Amino acid sequence: MLYFTVVLFVLAWVLAIWAMRTFKGVAIPEFIGALAVTVWHYAVLSKIWDKTR
């Protein structure tokens, strides 16, 4: 889970920086960050769900 978190964070960071340089405004980078948080959240929930079964 640690490696997944680090990879997801770095990927979101790189994509957000790319989007800030490519597009005007902050909507796209903010969406990338929100999507990364959502993916991480569901990954953690999935891990917890597997432990409770």
Protein backbone atom coordinates (compact mmCIF):
# COMPACT_ATOMS: atom_id res chain seq x y z
CA MET A 1 0.00 0.00 0.00
CA LEU A 2 2.92 2.32 0.68
CA TYR A 3 4.30 1.95 -2.84
CA PHE A 4 0.85 2.46 -4.35
CA THR A 5 0.43 5.68 -2.36
CA VAL A 6 3.82 7.04 -3.36
CA VAL A 7 3.37 6.18 -7.04
CA LEU A 8 -0.12 7.68 -7.10
CA PHE A 9 1.10 10.86 -5.40
CA VAL A 10 4.03 11.31 -7.78
CA LEU A 11 1.88 10.58 -10.84
CA ALA A 12 -0.80 13.06 -9.74
CA TRP A 13 1.86 15.67 -8.99
CA VAL A 14 3.50 15.29 -12.40
CA LEU A 15 0.16 15.35 -14.23
CA ALA A 16 -1.00 18.42 -12.27
CA ILE A 17 2.19 20.32 -13.10
CA TRP A 18 1.84 19.34 -16.76
CA ALA A 19 -1.82 20.47 -16.76
CA MET A 20 -0.94 23.80 -15.12
CA ARG A 21 1.56 24.51 -17.90
CA THR A 22 -0.71 23.27 -20.70
CA PHE A 23 -4.13 24.69 -19.76
CA LYS A 24 -5.25 28.01 -18.36
CA GLY A 25 -6.85 27.98 -14.93
CA VAL A 26 -6.73 25.43 -12.18
CA ALA A 27 -9.77 23.24 -12.90
CA ILE A 28 -7.86 20.46 -14.68
CA PRO A 29 -5.05 20.17 -12.08
CA GLU A 30 -7.65 20.26 -9.30
CA PHE A 31 -9.60 17.48 -11.03
CA ILE A 32 -6.42 15.40 -11.31
CA GLY A 33 -5.77 15.83 -7.59
CA ALA A 34 -9.35 14.99 -6.68
CA LEU A 35 -9.27 11.90 -8.89
CA ALA A 36 -6.03 10.73 -7.26
CA VAL A 37 -7.54 11.16 -3.79
CA THR A 38 -10.65 9.26 -4.87
CA VAL A 39 -8.61 6.36 -6.29
CA TRP A 40 -6.53 6.20 -3.10
CA HIS A 41 -9.65 6.33 -0.93
CA TYR A 42 -11.28 3.39 -2.73
CA ALA A 43 -8.03 1.42 -2.64
CA VAL A 44 -7.87 1.85 1.15
CA LEU A 45 -11.53 0.91 1.51
CA SER A 46 -10.96 -2.18 -0.61
CA LYS A 47 -8.01 -3.19 1.59
CA ILE A 48 -10.10 -2.70 4.75
CA TRP A 49 -13.01 -4.61 3.22
CA ASP A 50 -10.77 -7.59 2.45
CA LYS A 51 -9.51 -7.71 6.05
CA THR A 52 -13.02 -7.78 7.51
CA ARG A 53 -14.16 -10.74 5.43
